[in-house]
């Protein structure tokens, strides 16, 4: 198990039944980067991955 899996599991356990909009997610990602600028590159990569996920399925 990767260390990041713990955070993902916590997210799923705490909020797994909730429905959120992508606008809400984008707002939370911006707030995270504002508070943690060292993670800007990682969040940018995650956001790009999520934005382009549908494109990868067709390949």
C-alpha atoms as a PDB file:
ATOM      1  CA  UNK A   1       0.000   0.000   0.000  1.00  0.00           C
ATOM      2  CA  UNK A   2       1.276   3.440  -0.892  1.00  0.00           C
ATOM      3  CA  UNK A   3       1.265   6.114   1.788  1.00  0.00           C
ATOM      4  CA  UNK A   4      -1.198   8.140  -0.337  1.00  0.00           C
ATOM      5  CA  UNK A   5      -3.666   5.256  -0.211  1.00  0.00           C
ATOM      6  CA  UNK A   6      -4.358   6.124   3.424  1.00  0.00           C
ATOM      7  CA  UNK A   7      -5.580   9.570   2.456  1.00  0.00           C
ATOM      8  CA  UNK A   8      -7.635   8.177  -0.395  1.00  0.00           C
ATOM      9  CA  UNK A   9      -9.184   5.593   1.918  1.00  0.00           C
ATOM     10  CA  UNK A  10      -9.991   8.287   4.486  1.00  0.00           C
ATOM     11  CA  UNK A  11     -11.617  10.397   1.789  1.00  0.00           C
ATOM     12  CA  UNK A  12     -13.717   7.457   0.663  1.00  0.00           C
ATOM     13  CA  UNK A  13     -14.716   6.531   4.216  1.00  0.00           C
ATOM     14  CA  UNK A  14     -15.631  10.080   5.258  1.00  0.00           C
ATOM     15  CA  UNK A  15     -17.174  11.390   2.041  1.00  0.00           C
ATOM     16  CA  UNK A  16     -17.764   8.339  -0.138  1.00  0.00           C
ATOM     17  CA  UNK A  17     -21.543   8.700  -0.073  1.00  0.00           C
ATOM     18  CA  UNK A  18     -21.514  12.415  -0.966  1.00  0.00           C
ATOM     19  CA  UNK A  19     -21.965  13.827  -4.433  1.00  0.00           C
ATOM     20  CA  UNK A  20     -19.876  16.870  -5.307  1.00  0.00           C
ATOM     21  CA  UNK A  21     -19.508  19.025  -8.375  1.00  0.00           C
ATOM     22  CA  UNK A  22     -16.292  19.454 -10.275  1.00  0.00           C
ATOM     23  CA  UNK A  23     -16.551  23.177  -9.502  1.00  0.00           C
ATOM     24  CA  UNK A  24     -16.476  22.313  -5.776  1.00  0.00           C
ATOM     25  CA  UNK A  25     -13.467  20.054  -6.319  1.00  0.00           C
ATOM     26  CA  UNK A  26     -11.647  22.753  -8.296  1.00  0.00           C
ATOM     27  CA  UNK A  27     -12.321  25.242  -5.503  1.00  0.00           C
ATOM     28  CA  UNK A  28     -10.949  22.835  -2.877  1.00  0.00           C
ATOM     29  CA  UNK A  29      -7.853  22.140  -4.989  1.00  0.00           C
ATOM     30  CA  UNK A  30      -7.226  25.892  -5.330  1.00  0.00           C
ATOM     31  CA  UNK A  31      -7.602  26.342  -1.573  1.00  0.00           C
ATOM     32  CA  UNK A  32      -5.159  23.495  -0.980  1.00  0.00           C
ATOM     33  CA  UNK A  33      -2.555  25.009  -3.309  1.00  0.00           C
ATOM     34  CA  UNK A  34      -3.020  28.423  -1.685  1.00  0.00           C
ATOM     35  CA  UNK A  35      -2.271  26.854   1.693  1.00  0.00           C
ATOM     36  CA  UNK A  36       0.435  24.493   0.357  1.00  0.00           C
ATOM     37  CA  UNK A  37       2.191  26.106  -2.626  1.00  0.00           C
ATOM     38  CA  UNK A  38       4.874  23.420  -2.686  1.00  0.00           C
ATOM     39  CA  UNK A  39       2.227  21.011  -4.002  1.00  0.00           C
ATOM     40  CA  UNK A  40       1.237  23.192  -6.965  1.00  0.00           C
ATOM     41  CA  UNK A  41       2.877  20.901  -9.543  1.00  0.00           C
ATOM     42  CA  UNK A  42       1.310  17.747  -8.112  1.00  0.00           C
ATOM     43  CA  UNK A  43      -2.156  19.326  -8.012  1.00  0.00           C
ATOM     44  CA  UNK A  44      -1.719  20.639 -11.559  1.00  0.00           C
ATOM     45  CA  UNK A  45      -0.857  17.122 -12.721  1.00  0.00           C
ATOM     46  CA  UNK A  46      -3.820  15.625 -10.864  1.00  0.00           C
ATOM     47  CA  UNK A  47      -6.221  18.200 -12.296  1.00  0.00           C
ATOM     48  CA  UNK A  48      -4.910  17.608 -15.817  1.00  0.00           C
ATOM     49  CA  UNK A  49      -5.193  13.840 -15.333  1.00  0.00           C
ATOM     50  CA  UNK A  50      -8.805  14.183 -14.181  1.00  0.00           C
ATOM     51  CA  UNK A  51      -9.678  16.636 -16.964  1.00  0.00           C
ATOM     52  CA  UNK A  52      -8.300  14.380 -19.678  1.00  0.00           C
ATOM     53  CA  UNK A  53      -9.344  11.009 -18.272  1.00  0.00           C
ATOM     54  CA  UNK A  54     -12.090  10.512 -20.874  1.00  0.00           C
ATOM     55  CA  UNK A  55      -9.604  11.091 -23.698  1.00  0.00           C
ATOM     56  CA  UNK A  56      -7.437   8.206 -22.511  1.00  0.00           C
ATOM     57  CA  UNK A  57     -10.305   5.693 -22.632  1.00  0.00           C
ATOM     58  CA  UNK A  58     -10.715   6.120 -26.391  1.00  0.00           C
ATOM     59  CA  UNK A  59      -7.057   5.312 -27.144  1.00  0.00           C
END
